[in-house]
């Protein structure tokens, strides 16, 4: 007599559940394996890049002509220096101390005199006047002492000091110690003329 083996029919829902459980178990095993490999590997040391630093170059001082050219109050002086052919001289190594008349100082001269001085035929007179405003060496305001100071033109400038400040041939220094790469500028409120120069003859 044969024994019948009962056949169990698995419902579709149970089949799907078993399949899902199998997949989950396999995925868990895979994650464990990967985690083991990651733990075995030496951790990478964090890398930090040093920040790039660029030192900005120190701003270089400008020469006397460049400073005067960059200031509208010296536009007449710059035109005179150019007409006299003294640009390269005042761009030179120096050092120079320049007593620089501003535009108001030139405007105070007799009417039409500036225009005459800028003419080519009066170049020698203009050079004489401008170089009379220049002293060799860089003399800061704190170092100024009363007395006669030789100018580049050759004649002396009379420097006086008092509670009101510094005067050169009676012209007041209204701004001092404008430092240039080749000297220093002191602004004065009048144009000074060398002794014996008669500009009325122009």
Foldseek 3Di string as FASTA:
>chain_A
DDDDDDDDDDDPVVVVVVVVVVVVVVVVVVVVVVVVVVVVDDDDDDDDDDDDDDDDDDDAFAFPLVVLVVDQQNPLVNLLCVLLVCPVVSRDQFQKEFAGETPQQVVPPPPPLSVVCSDNVNSVQSVLQRQQRMATDAAFQVRDDADWGATSSGATWGWDQDPVGIDTVNWHQPATFPDGNRHTYTYTHHRDHGPPDDSVVD
